[in-house]
Amino acid sequence: MALLNLAFGRTRFVCLRREDVLAQAVSWLRAEQTDTWYIGGNGEIGGNGGRGQLPVFDADRIGELVQIIDEHNAAWEAWFATCGISPLRVRYEELDTDMAGVTEGILTFLGLSSPDGRAIVPRHKRQADELNDQWIERYRAESAQR
């Protein structure tokens, strides 16, 4: 931490986490398979998208991704604890439903304020759809049978 503070000055941390890890894993799998990581407000695609590859349900890969996400979350928690860091905790679900409010909270935590006359406007389109919901239900049903 001393090195980070030396390099960047007063360092603050924001920990963004999605409570619904299964939904996160499903979104990750779809992005992997289609190589579409985000869609911007003007239709620009992050990744190579448009390869024409349709996403395919893969329970094993979803399970692997859930495990990876859990491991990453645990590693961040361990690092914060080891370094004595109390990050601002932001839930993805709250950011998704109240982007402006959450962003204002982050700015306040950082000791900043939003510029006068500037609105907080989402720059990406939500990609999750009914297929995500179907895969989540299917994964839960298949997992219950194992």
Protein backbone atom coordinates (compact mmCIF):
# COMPACT_ATOMS: atom_id res chain seq x y z
CA MET A 1 0.00 0.00 0.00
CA ALA A 2 2.83 2.38 0.77
CA LEU A 3 4.09 2.07 -2.80
CA LEU A 4 0.61 2.68 -4.22
CA ASN A 5 0.14 5.73 -2.01
CA LEU A 6 3.59 7.00 -2.96
CA ALA A 7 2.82 6.61 -6.67
CA PHE A 8 -0.78 7.85 -6.64
CA GLY A 9 -1.22 9.86 -3.46
CA ARG A 10 -4.25 9.22 -1.29
CA THR A 11 -5.54 5.92 -2.59
CA ARG A 12 -9.16 4.84 -2.18
CA PHE A 13 -10.69 1.59 -3.37
CA VAL A 14 -14.10 0.76 -4.78
CA CYS A 15 -15.08 -2.91 -4.77
CA LEU A 16 -17.77 -3.68 -7.34
CA ARG A 17 -19.37 -7.06 -6.86
CA ARG A 18 -22.36 -8.82 -8.33
CA GLU A 19 -24.38 -10.65 -5.70
CA ASP A 20 -25.95 -12.97 -8.28
CA VAL A 21 -22.78 -14.86 -9.20
CA LEU A 22 -24.73 -17.32 -11.36
CA ALA A 23 -26.14 -14.47 -13.46
CA GLN A 24 -22.61 -13.07 -13.75
CA ALA A 25 -21.30 -16.46 -14.93
CA VAL A 26 -24.06 -16.76 -17.54
CA SER A 27 -23.30 -13.26 -18.85
CA TRP A 28 -19.60 -14.10 -18.95
CA LEU A 29 -20.24 -17.32 -20.89
CA ARG A 30 -22.38 -15.53 -23.46
CA ALA A 31 -19.71 -12.85 -23.90
CA GLU A 32 -17.03 -15.54 -24.31
CA GLN A 33 -19.01 -17.45 -26.88
CA THR A 34 -20.14 -14.48 -28.96
CA ASP A 35 -17.10 -12.26 -28.30
CA THR A 36 -19.48 -9.41 -27.55
CA TRP A 37 -18.41 -7.92 -24.23
CA TYR A 38 -20.49 -4.77 -24.40
CA ILE A 39 -22.71 -2.82 -26.76
CA GLY A 40 -22.34 0.94 -26.65
CA GLY A 41 -25.12 3.47 -26.89
CA ASN A 42 -24.24 4.06 -30.54
CA GLY A 43 -24.20 0.35 -31.35
CA GLU A 44 -20.43 -0.09 -31.12
CA ILE A 45 -19.40 -3.55 -29.98
CA GLY A 46 -16.68 -4.40 -27.49
CA GLY A 47 -14.99 -7.51 -28.83
CA ASN A 48 -15.25 -9.00 -32.26
CA GLY A 49 -19.02 -9.61 -31.96
CA GLY A 50 -20.93 -10.29 -35.08
CA ARG A 51 -19.01 -13.53 -35.73
CA GLY A 52 -22.40 -15.09 -36.17
CA GLN A 53 -21.79 -17.55 -33.34
CA LEU A 54 -24.94 -18.22 -31.36
CA PRO A 55 -24.47 -18.85 -27.64
CA VAL A 56 -24.89 -22.45 -26.50
CA PHE A 57 -25.84 -23.54 -22.97
CA ASP A 58 -22.87 -25.20 -21.24
CA ALA A 59 -23.54 -26.18 -17.63
CA ASP A 60 -19.94 -27.29 -17.05
CA ARG A 61 -18.50 -23.97 -18.19
CA ILE A 62 -21.07 -22.02 -16.16
CA GLY A 63 -20.00 -24.02 -13.10
CA GLU A 64 -16.34 -23.27 -13.83
CA LEU A 65 -17.09 -19.56 -14.17
CA VAL A 66 -19.04 -19.51 -10.89
CA GLN A 67 -16.00 -21.06 -9.20
CA ILE A 68 -13.61 -18.55 -10.83
CA ILE A 69 -15.81 -15.63 -9.75
CA ASP A 70 -16.01 -16.96 -6.19
CA GLU A 71 -12.22 -17.42 -6.11
CA HIS A 72 -11.62 -13.90 -7.43
CA ASN A 73 -14.03 -12.40 -4.89
CA ALA A 74 -12.33 -14.30 -2.06
CA ALA A 75 -8.88 -13.18 -3.25
CA TRP A 76 -9.96 -9.52 -3.28
CA GLU A 77 -11.41 -9.86 0.22
CA ALA A 78 -8.18 -11.44 1.45
CA TRP A 79 -6.09 -8.68 -0.13
CA PHE A 80 -8.25 -5.93 1.35
CA ALA A 81 -8.02 -7.57 4.78
CA THR A 82 -4.25 -8.08 4.55
CA CYS A 83 -3.72 -4.46 3.54
CA GLY A 84 -6.20 -3.08 6.07
CA ILE A 85 -8.32 -1.55 3.31
CA SER A 86 -11.99 -0.71 3.77
CA PRO A 87 -13.21 -0.22 0.22
CA LEU A 88 -16.48 1.35 -0.77
CA ARG A 89 -18.61 -1.65 -1.59
CA VAL A 90 -20.84 -1.30 -4.62
CA ARG A 91 -23.32 -3.94 -5.67
CA TYR A 92 -23.72 -4.41 -9.42
CA GLU A 93 -27.45 -4.82 -8.90
CA GLU A 94 -27.65 -1.34 -7.32
CA LEU A 95 -25.50 0.17 -10.06
CA ASP A 96 -27.79 -1.42 -12.64
CA THR A 97 -30.95 0.07 -11.11
CA ASP A 98 -29.60 3.45 -9.92
CA MET A 99 -26.52 4.35 -11.94
CA ALA A 100 -26.73 8.06 -11.15
CA GLY A 101 -27.19 7.57 -7.40
CA VAL A 102 -24.43 4.98 -7.12
CA THR A 103 -22.07 7.10 -9.21
CA GLU A 104 -22.74 10.10 -6.98
CA GLY A 105 -21.98 7.90 -3.95
CA ILE A 106 -18.68 6.82 -5.49
CA LEU A 107 -17.74 10.42 -6.28
CA THR A 108 -18.56 11.44 -2.69
CA PHE A 109 -16.43 8.57 -1.34
CA LEU A 110 -13.55 9.78 -3.51
CA GLY A 111 -14.01 13.36 -2.33
CA LEU A 112 -15.16 14.50 -5.76
CA SER A 113 -18.32 15.98 -7.17
CA SER A 114 -19.89 15.70 -10.57
CA PRO A 115 -19.25 18.65 -12.87
CA ASP A 116 -22.06 21.21 -12.99
CA GLY A 117 -24.43 20.67 -15.87
CA ARG A 118 -23.25 17.11 -16.54
CA ALA A 119 -25.77 14.29 -16.34
CA ILE A 120 -24.78 10.73 -15.58
CA VAL A 121 -25.94 8.77 -18.61
CA PRO A 122 -25.35 5.05 -19.29
CA ARG A 123 -23.02 4.51 -22.24
CA HIS A 124 -23.68 0.81 -22.71
CA LYS A 125 -26.80 -1.17 -23.48
CA ARG A 126 -27.91 -4.00 -21.21
CA GLN A 127 -27.18 -7.33 -22.90
CA ALA A 128 -28.94 -9.74 -20.54
CA ASP A 129 -32.25 -10.96 -21.89
CA GLU A 130 -34.69 -13.85 -21.62
CA LEU A 131 -31.99 -16.30 -22.70
CA ASN A 132 -29.96 -15.43 -19.61
CA ASP A 133 -33.02 -16.14 -17.44
CA GLN A 134 -33.63 -19.45 -19.22
CA TRP A 135 -30.02 -20.56 -18.75
CA ILE A 136 -30.09 -19.62 -15.05
CA GLU A 137 -33.28 -21.64 -14.52
CA ARG A 138 -31.89 -24.56 -16.51
CA TYR A 139 -28.58 -24.52 -14.62
CA ARG A 140 -30.38 -24.51 -11.26
CA ALA A 141 -32.69 -27.33 -12.35
CA GLU A 142 -29.84 -29.48 -13.64
CA SER A 143 -27.71 -28.76 -10.56
CA ALA A 144 -30.57 -29.84 -8.28
CA GLN A 145 -30.69 -33.20 -10.08
CA ARG A 146 -26.97 -33.91 -9.58
